[in-house]
């Protein structure tokens, strides 16, 4: 395409005829060169690059892994709290039994 434009430009310069026709032809060549060099602008004003599936698979995978880690930590915390609750209950029952035994021992004196 560029070679054809160069040939046309050379032909226009060689023409020594009517200057009005020459000016119109030069303007047309300048316009064609500008259109060839300029990238088409998108109507919305931002870059429309090609869709990158690998990027979105990576983001999705990281979100899933992050969710699994958060779920595991939540389950571990829940099991730890159940263990604390069981330990608290056992300690309370043990103290109540010991208090009852202490009272029985005090009455027996």
Protein backbone atom coordinates (compact mmCIF):
# COMPACT_ATOMS: atom_id res chain seq x y z
CA UNK A 1 0.00 0.00 0.00
CA UNK A 2 2.84 2.40 0.85
CA UNK A 3 4.57 1.64 -2.45
CA UNK A 4 1.46 2.62 -4.40
CA UNK A 5 1.24 5.89 -2.47
CA UNK A 6 4.90 6.64 -3.17
CA UNK A 7 4.38 6.04 -6.90
CA UNK A 8 1.33 8.26 -6.95
CA UNK A 9 3.20 10.99 -5.10
CA UNK A 10 6.07 10.79 -7.59
CA UNK A 11 3.64 11.02 -10.52
CA UNK A 12 1.97 14.07 -9.02
CA UNK A 13 5.29 15.83 -8.51
CA UNK A 14 6.30 15.13 -12.11
CA UNK A 15 3.14 16.67 -13.39
CA UNK A 16 3.80 20.30 -14.13
CA UNK A 17 0.34 21.08 -15.40
CA UNK A 18 -2.48 22.81 -13.66
CA UNK A 19 -1.55 23.93 -10.13
CA UNK A 20 -5.13 23.60 -8.83
CA UNK A 21 -5.24 19.93 -9.79
CA UNK A 22 -1.77 19.49 -8.30
CA UNK A 23 -2.87 21.03 -5.00
CA UNK A 24 -5.96 18.83 -4.81
CA UNK A 25 -3.91 15.72 -5.62
CA UNK A 26 -1.30 16.60 -2.97
CA UNK A 27 -4.03 17.18 -0.40
CA UNK A 28 -5.56 13.81 -1.26
CA UNK A 29 -2.16 12.12 -0.90
CA UNK A 30 -1.55 13.82 2.45
CA UNK A 31 -4.99 12.72 3.63
CA UNK A 32 -4.36 9.13 2.49
CA UNK A 33 -1.00 9.06 4.29
CA UNK A 34 -2.51 10.45 7.47
CA UNK A 35 -5.31 7.89 7.36
CA UNK A 36 -2.82 5.09 6.78
CA UNK A 37 -0.59 6.12 9.70
CA UNK A 38 -3.35 6.92 12.16
CA UNK A 39 -4.83 4.02 14.14
CA UNK A 40 -8.62 3.95 14.26
CA UNK A 41 -9.85 5.47 17.51
CA UNK A 42 -12.52 3.65 19.45
CA UNK A 43 -15.79 5.45 20.03
CA UNK A 44 -15.74 4.99 23.81
CA UNK A 45 -12.24 6.37 24.33
CA UNK A 46 -10.42 3.46 25.96
CA UNK A 47 -8.18 0.72 24.63
CA UNK A 48 -9.86 -2.40 23.27
CA UNK A 49 -7.05 -4.91 23.46
CA UNK A 50 -7.69 -8.54 22.74
CA UNK A 51 -9.31 -10.73 25.40
CA UNK A 52 -6.72 -12.50 27.54
CA UNK A 53 -8.27 -15.71 28.87
CA UNK A 54 -5.15 -16.73 30.78
CA UNK A 55 -5.39 -13.59 32.93
CA UNK A 56 -9.00 -14.29 33.86
CA UNK A 57 -8.33 -18.00 34.54
CA UNK A 58 -5.51 -16.92 36.86
CA UNK A 59 -7.71 -14.41 38.68
CA UNK A 60 -10.51 -16.97 39.02
CA UNK A 61 -8.11 -19.63 40.29
CA UNK A 62 -6.65 -17.28 42.87
CA UNK A 63 -10.12 -16.31 44.06
CA UNK A 64 -11.09 -19.97 44.43
CA UNK A 65 -7.87 -20.82 46.28
CA UNK A 66 -8.33 -17.80 48.53
CA UNK A 67 -11.89 -18.88 49.28
CA UNK A 68 -10.75 -22.40 50.14
CA UNK A 69 -8.07 -21.06 52.48
CA UNK A 70 -10.60 -18.77 54.17
CA UNK A 71 -13.05 -21.69 54.54
CA UNK A 72 -10.34 -23.91 56.03
CA UNK A 73 -9.34 -21.20 58.52
CA UNK A 74 -12.98 -20.65 59.47
CA UNK A 75 -13.46 -24.38 60.10
CA UNK A 76 -10.24 -24.55 62.14
CA UNK A 77 -11.38 -21.59 64.23
CA UNK A 78 -14.80 -23.18 64.75
CA UNK A 79 -13.24 -26.47 65.89
CA UNK A 80 -10.92 -24.58 68.26
CA UNK A 81 -13.92 -22.76 69.75
CA UNK A 82 -15.76 -26.08 70.20
CA UNK A 83 -12.70 -27.42 72.03
CA UNK A 84 -12.64 -24.32 74.26
CA UNK A 85 -16.36 -24.75 74.99
CA UNK A 86 -15.91 -28.45 75.87
CA UNK A 87 -12.92 -27.60 78.07
CA UNK A 88 -14.90 -24.86 79.83
CA UNK A 89 -17.81 -27.20 80.44
CA UNK A 90 -15.54 -29.94 81.79
CA UNK A 91 -13.77 -27.44 84.05
CA UNK A 92 -17.07 -26.11 85.39
CA UNK A 93 -18.41 -29.61 86.11
CA UNK A 94 -15.11 -30.53 87.79
CA UNK A 95 -15.24 -27.43 90.01
CA UNK A 96 -18.89 -28.09 90.93
CA UNK A 97 -18.08 -31.68 91.90
CA UNK A 98 -15.07 -30.57 93.95
CA UNK A 99 -17.15 -27.88 95.67
CA UNK A 100 -19.78 -30.46 96.55
CA UNK A 101 -17.13 -32.80 97.92
CA UNK A 102 -15.61 -29.92 99.91
CA UNK A 103 -18.99 -29.07 101.44
CA UNK A 104 -19.58 -32.72 102.37
CA UNK A 105 -16.15 -32.86 103.96
CA UNK A 106 -16.90 -29.65 105.93
CA UNK A 107 -20.25 -30.98 107.23
CA UNK A 108 -18.68 -34.22 108.37
CA UNK A 109 -16.41 -32.49 110.87
